[in-house]
Amino acid sequence: GVAEAFADRVVAAAAAAVPDLRDRILWREVRTPADTAADTGAAGGAVPGPALAGLDGRALVPANRTRIPGLYTAGGWSHPGGGLAHAGMSGALVAGLIVHGDDWHGSQ
């Protein structure tokens, strides 16, 4: 469908910078706003994750690192939290972890 074709274009564009990218993709899931709405209840499949706050006021979102080496989370439902800008920041943080290693903590 349209979503898969768009994902193919994104991978092709990224592969211009990472020639063996297609060989490195172990799993791919293409999701649409309708999928997100159906699975999470987010209105219209919106990017912002749930507005959960801990007792200390920090958002309760998963960290970008996981317990599985080499597996990271990024997006509106991961650190630093919801919203399109934060989803982009999340991706930038994960890119930094991949490039600089797990000791990297963002721009200093």
N, C-alpha and C. Protein backbone atom coordinates (compact mmCIF):
# COMPACT_ATOMS: atom_id res chain seq x y z
N GLY A 1 0.81 -1.18 0.00
CA GLY A 1 0.00 0.00 0.00
C GLY A 1 0.86 1.26 0.00
N VAL A 2 0.19 2.35 0.21
CA VAL A 2 0.84 3.66 0.20
C VAL A 2 1.88 3.77 1.31
N ALA A 3 1.55 3.28 2.50
CA ALA A 3 2.48 3.38 3.64
C ALA A 3 3.76 2.58 3.37
N GLU A 4 3.63 1.38 2.84
CA GLU A 4 4.81 0.56 2.53
C GLU A 4 5.66 1.23 1.45
N ALA A 5 5.01 1.81 0.44
CA ALA A 5 5.75 2.49 -0.63
C ALA A 5 6.51 3.69 -0.07
N PHE A 6 5.88 4.43 0.84
CA PHE A 6 6.57 5.57 1.45
C PHE A 6 7.75 5.09 2.29
N ALA A 7 7.56 4.02 3.05
CA ALA A 7 8.66 3.47 3.85
C ALA A 7 9.81 3.02 2.96
N ASP A 8 9.49 2.44 1.81
CA ASP A 8 10.54 2.04 0.86
C ASP A 8 11.34 3.26 0.39
N ARG A 9 10.64 4.38 0.15
CA ARG A 9 11.32 5.61 -0.27
C ARG A 9 12.22 6.15 0.83
N VAL A 10 11.77 6.07 2.08
CA VAL A 10 12.59 6.54 3.21
C VAL A 10 13.85 5.69 3.33
N VAL A 11 13.70 4.37 3.23
CA VAL A 11 14.87 3.48 3.31
C VAL A 11 15.82 3.75 2.15
N ALA A 12 15.28 3.95 0.96
CA ALA A 12 16.13 4.23 -0.20
C ALA A 12 16.92 5.53 -0.01
N ALA A 13 16.28 6.55 0.54
CA ALA A 13 16.97 7.82 0.78
C ALA A 13 18.06 7.65 1.83
N ALA A 14 17.76 6.92 2.91
CA ALA A 14 18.75 6.69 3.96
C ALA A 14 19.89 5.81 3.45
N ALA A 15 19.58 4.89 2.54
CA ALA A 15 20.60 3.99 1.99
C ALA A 15 21.63 4.74 1.16
N ALA A 16 21.30 5.96 0.73
CA ALA A 16 22.28 6.77 0.02
C ALA A 16 23.45 7.11 0.93
N ALA A 17 23.18 7.23 2.24
CA ALA A 17 24.24 7.53 3.21
C ALA A 17 24.81 6.27 3.84
N VAL A 18 24.01 5.21 3.89
CA VAL A 18 24.42 3.94 4.50
C VAL A 18 24.19 2.85 3.46
N PRO A 19 25.18 2.60 2.59
CA PRO A 19 24.97 1.70 1.45
C PRO A 19 24.45 0.30 1.79
N ASP A 20 24.85 -0.27 2.91
CA ASP A 20 24.39 -1.63 3.24
C ASP A 20 23.19 -1.61 4.19
N LEU A 21 22.48 -0.48 4.23
CA LEU A 21 21.35 -0.35 5.15
C LEU A 21 20.32 -1.45 4.97
N ARG A 22 19.94 -1.74 3.74
CA ARG A 22 18.90 -2.76 3.51
C ARG A 22 19.30 -4.12 4.11
N ASP A 23 20.59 -4.45 4.05
CA ASP A 23 21.06 -5.72 4.61
C ASP A 23 21.06 -5.71 6.13
N ARG A 24 21.08 -4.51 6.73
CA ARG A 24 21.12 -4.39 8.19
C ARG A 24 19.74 -4.40 8.83
N ILE A 25 18.71 -4.21 8.04
CA ILE A 25 17.35 -4.18 8.59
C ILE A 25 16.92 -5.60 8.91
N LEU A 26 16.74 -5.87 10.19
CA LEU A 26 16.34 -7.20 10.63
C LEU A 26 14.83 -7.32 10.75
N TRP A 27 14.18 -6.21 11.03
CA TRP A 27 12.73 -6.22 11.21
C TRP A 27 12.20 -4.84 10.86
N ARG A 28 11.10 -4.80 10.20
CA ARG A 28 10.49 -3.52 9.83
C ARG A 28 9.00 -3.63 10.03
N GLU A 29 8.43 -2.61 10.64
CA GLU A 29 6.98 -2.54 10.82
C GLU A 29 6.54 -1.15 10.39
N VAL A 30 5.73 -1.08 9.39
CA VAL A 30 5.22 0.20 8.91
C VAL A 30 3.86 0.42 9.56
N ARG A 31 3.75 1.56 10.23
CA ARG A 31 2.50 1.87 10.94
C ARG A 31 1.94 3.19 10.45
N THR A 32 0.64 3.28 10.48
CA THR A 32 -0.04 4.51 10.10
C THR A 32 -0.71 5.10 11.34
N PRO A 33 -1.16 6.35 11.26
CA PRO A 33 -1.91 6.90 12.39
C PRO A 33 -3.12 6.04 12.77
N ALA A 34 -3.77 5.44 11.79
CA ALA A 34 -4.91 4.57 12.10
C ALA A 34 -4.49 3.37 12.93
N ASP A 35 -3.31 2.81 12.65
CA ASP A 35 -2.79 1.69 13.45
C ASP A 35 -2.53 2.13 14.88
N THR A 36 -1.91 3.31 15.04
CA THR A 36 -1.61 3.82 16.37
C THR A 36 -2.89 4.08 17.15
N ALA A 37 -3.87 4.69 16.50
CA ALA A 37 -5.15 4.95 17.16
C ALA A 37 -5.81 3.65 17.62
N ALA A 38 -5.78 2.65 16.77
CA ALA A 38 -6.41 1.36 17.11
C ALA A 38 -5.69 0.67 18.25
N ASP A 39 -4.36 0.75 18.28
CA ASP A 39 -3.58 0.03 19.29
C ASP A 39 -3.43 0.76 20.61
N THR A 40 -3.46 2.10 20.58
CA THR A 40 -3.16 2.86 21.80
C THR A 40 -4.30 3.73 22.28
N GLY A 41 -5.26 3.98 21.42
CA GLY A 41 -6.33 4.90 21.78
C GLY A 41 -5.95 6.36 21.61
N ALA A 42 -4.75 6.63 21.09
CA ALA A 42 -4.33 8.01 20.86
C ALA A 42 -5.25 8.63 19.81
N ALA A 43 -5.84 9.77 20.14
CA ALA A 43 -6.80 10.41 19.26
C ALA A 43 -6.20 10.66 17.88
N GLY A 44 -6.82 10.08 16.86
CA GLY A 44 -6.34 10.27 15.50
C GLY A 44 -4.97 9.69 15.23
N GLY A 45 -4.49 8.84 16.15
CA GLY A 45 -3.16 8.27 15.98
C GLY A 45 -2.06 9.29 16.24
N ALA A 46 -2.35 10.26 17.11
CA ALA A 46 -1.40 11.34 17.39
C ALA A 46 -0.08 10.81 17.93
N VAL A 47 1.00 11.56 17.65
CA VAL A 47 2.34 11.18 18.08
C VAL A 47 2.49 11.21 19.60
N PRO A 48 1.96 12.23 20.30
CA PRO A 48 2.22 12.28 21.74
C PRO A 48 1.78 11.02 22.46
N GLY A 49 2.65 10.53 23.29
CA GLY A 49 2.32 9.38 24.11
C GLY A 49 1.46 9.81 25.28
N PRO A 50 1.19 8.90 26.18
CA PRO A 50 0.34 9.23 27.33
C PRO A 50 1.03 10.25 28.22
N ALA A 51 0.24 11.14 28.79
CA ALA A 51 0.79 12.17 29.69
C ALA A 51 0.85 11.60 31.10
N LEU A 52 1.77 10.70 31.32
CA LEU A 52 1.95 10.10 32.63
C LEU A 52 3.06 10.82 33.36
N ALA A 53 2.82 11.17 34.60
CA ALA A 53 3.86 11.84 35.38
C ALA A 53 4.07 11.08 36.68
N GLY A 54 5.32 10.94 37.04
CA GLY A 54 5.66 10.29 38.30
C GLY A 54 5.47 11.26 39.46
N LEU A 55 5.68 10.78 40.67
CA LEU A 55 5.52 11.60 41.86
C LEU A 55 6.48 12.79 41.87
N ASP A 56 7.61 12.65 41.20
CA ASP A 56 8.58 13.75 41.17
C ASP A 56 8.36 14.67 39.97
N GLY A 57 7.29 14.45 39.21
CA GLY A 57 6.95 15.32 38.10
C GLY A 57 7.57 14.93 36.77
N ARG A 58 8.46 13.94 36.77
CA ARG A 58 9.06 13.52 35.50
C ARG A 58 8.10 12.60 34.76
N ALA A 59 8.16 12.68 33.45
CA ALA A 59 7.30 11.82 32.64
C ALA A 59 7.75 10.37 32.76
N LEU A 60 6.79 9.48 32.79
CA LEU A 60 7.09 8.05 32.87
C LEU A 60 7.11 7.47 31.46
N VAL A 61 8.20 7.65 30.78
CA VAL A 61 8.37 7.10 29.44
C VAL A 61 9.61 6.21 29.45
N PRO A 62 9.65 5.19 28.61
CA PRO A 62 10.82 4.31 28.62
C PRO A 62 12.08 5.03 28.16
N ALA A 63 13.20 4.61 28.70
CA ALA A 63 14.50 5.14 28.30
C ALA A 63 14.79 4.73 26.87
N ASN A 64 15.73 5.43 26.24
CA ASN A 64 16.11 5.10 24.87
C ASN A 64 16.91 3.80 24.81
N ARG A 65 17.69 3.51 25.85
CA ARG A 65 18.44 2.25 25.90
C ARG A 65 17.51 1.15 26.43
N THR A 66 17.71 -0.04 25.96
CA THR A 66 16.98 -1.18 26.51
C THR A 66 17.99 -2.15 27.12
N ARG A 67 17.49 -3.19 27.74
CA ARG A 67 18.38 -4.21 28.31
C ARG A 67 19.00 -5.09 27.23
N ILE A 68 18.49 -5.00 26.02
CA ILE A 68 19.01 -5.80 24.91
C ILE A 68 20.08 -4.98 24.19
N PRO A 69 21.33 -5.44 24.18
CA PRO A 69 22.40 -4.68 23.53
C PRO A 69 22.07 -4.38 22.07
N GLY A 70 22.23 -3.12 21.69
CA GLY A 70 21.98 -2.71 20.32
C GLY A 70 20.54 -2.40 19.99
N LEU A 71 19.61 -2.58 20.96
CA LEU A 71 18.20 -2.27 20.72
C LEU A 71 17.85 -1.00 21.48
N TYR A 72 17.34 -0.01 20.77
CA TYR A 72 16.99 1.27 21.34
C TYR A 72 15.54 1.59 21.01
N THR A 73 14.93 2.48 21.78
CA THR A 73 13.58 2.94 21.48
C THR A 73 13.64 4.43 21.15
N ALA A 74 12.82 4.84 20.21
CA ALA A 74 12.75 6.25 19.82
C ALA A 74 11.33 6.56 19.40
N GLY A 75 10.92 7.79 19.61
CA GLY A 75 9.60 8.21 19.18
C GLY A 75 8.85 8.94 20.28
N GLY A 76 7.61 9.25 19.99
CA GLY A 76 6.79 10.00 20.92
C GLY A 76 6.44 9.27 22.20
N TRP A 77 6.65 7.96 22.21
CA TRP A 77 6.33 7.17 23.39
C TRP A 77 7.59 6.78 24.16
N SER A 78 8.73 7.32 23.78
CA SER A 78 10.01 7.06 24.45
C SER A 78 10.60 8.38 24.93
N HIS A 79 11.67 8.31 25.72
CA HIS A 79 12.34 9.51 26.23
C HIS A 79 12.71 10.41 25.06
N PRO A 80 12.47 11.71 25.08
CA PRO A 80 12.07 12.52 26.22
C PRO A 80 10.57 12.74 26.36
N GLY A 81 9.74 12.04 25.63
CA GLY A 81 8.30 12.15 25.84
C GLY A 81 7.56 12.52 24.57
N GLY A 82 6.29 12.83 24.74
CA GLY A 82 5.39 13.03 23.61
C GLY A 82 5.58 14.33 22.84
N GLY A 83 4.95 14.36 21.70
CA GLY A 83 5.01 15.53 20.83
C GLY A 83 5.95 15.28 19.67
N LEU A 84 5.66 15.91 18.55
CA LEU A 84 6.46 15.69 17.35
C LEU A 84 7.91 16.13 17.55
N ALA A 85 8.10 17.28 18.20
CA ALA A 85 9.48 17.74 18.44
C ALA A 85 10.24 16.77 19.32
N HIS A 86 9.58 16.26 20.36
CA HIS A 86 10.24 15.31 21.25
C HIS A 86 10.50 13.97 20.56
N ALA A 87 9.63 13.58 19.64
CA ALA A 87 9.88 12.35 18.89
C ALA A 87 11.15 12.50 18.07
N GLY A 88 11.35 13.68 17.46
CA GLY A 88 12.58 13.94 16.72
C GLY A 88 13.80 13.96 17.62
N MET A 89 13.65 14.57 18.81
CA MET A 89 14.76 14.59 19.77
C MET A 89 15.11 13.17 20.19
N SER A 90 14.09 12.34 20.36
CA SER A 90 14.31 10.96 20.75
C SER A 90 15.16 10.24 19.70
N GLY A 91 14.83 10.45 18.44
CA GLY A 91 15.62 9.85 17.36
C GLY A 91 17.05 10.35 17.35
N ALA A 92 17.23 11.65 17.61
CA ALA A 92 18.58 12.22 17.65
C ALA A 92 19.38 11.63 18.81
N LEU A 93 18.73 11.43 19.96
CA LEU A 93 19.41 10.82 21.10
C LEU A 93 19.86 9.40 20.78
N VAL A 94 18.99 8.64 20.14
CA VAL A 94 19.34 7.26 19.79
C VAL A 94 20.48 7.25 18.76
N ALA A 95 20.43 8.16 17.80
CA ALA A 95 21.52 8.25 16.82
C ALA A 95 22.84 8.52 17.54
N GLY A 96 22.83 9.40 18.53
CA GLY A 96 24.04 9.68 19.30
C GLY A 96 24.53 8.46 20.05
N LEU A 97 23.61 7.70 20.62
CA LEU A 97 24.00 6.47 21.33
C LEU A 97 24.64 5.47 20.38
N ILE A 98 24.08 5.35 19.19
CA ILE A 98 24.62 4.41 18.20
C ILE A 98 26.00 4.85 17.73
N VAL A 99 26.15 6.13 17.46
CA VAL A 99 27.42 6.64 16.93
C VAL A 99 28.49 6.75 18.00
N HIS A 100 28.12 7.24 19.19
CA HIS A 100 29.12 7.55 20.22
C HIS A 100 29.20 6.50 21.34
N GLY A 101 28.25 5.58 21.41
CA GLY A 101 28.28 4.55 22.43
C GLY A 101 27.39 4.86 23.62
N ASP A 102 27.21 3.87 24.46
CA ASP A 102 26.27 3.98 25.57
C ASP A 102 26.68 4.98 26.65
N ASP A 103 27.92 5.44 26.64
CA ASP A 103 28.34 6.44 27.62
C ASP A 103 27.94 7.85 27.21
N TRP A 104 27.40 8.01 26.00
CA TRP A 104 27.00 9.32 25.49
C TRP A 104 25.71 9.75 26.17
N HIS A 105 25.64 11.01 26.57
CA HIS A 105 24.46 11.52 27.28
C HIS A 105 23.89 12.76 26.62
N GLY A 106 23.99 12.87 25.33
CA GLY A 106 23.45 14.02 24.62
C GLY A 106 24.47 15.13 24.52
N SER A 107 24.03 16.24 23.94
CA SER A 107 24.95 17.36 23.79
C SER A 107 25.31 17.90 25.16
N GLN A 108 26.57 18.19 25.34
CA GLN A 108 27.05 18.65 26.64
C GLN A 108 27.28 20.14 26.61
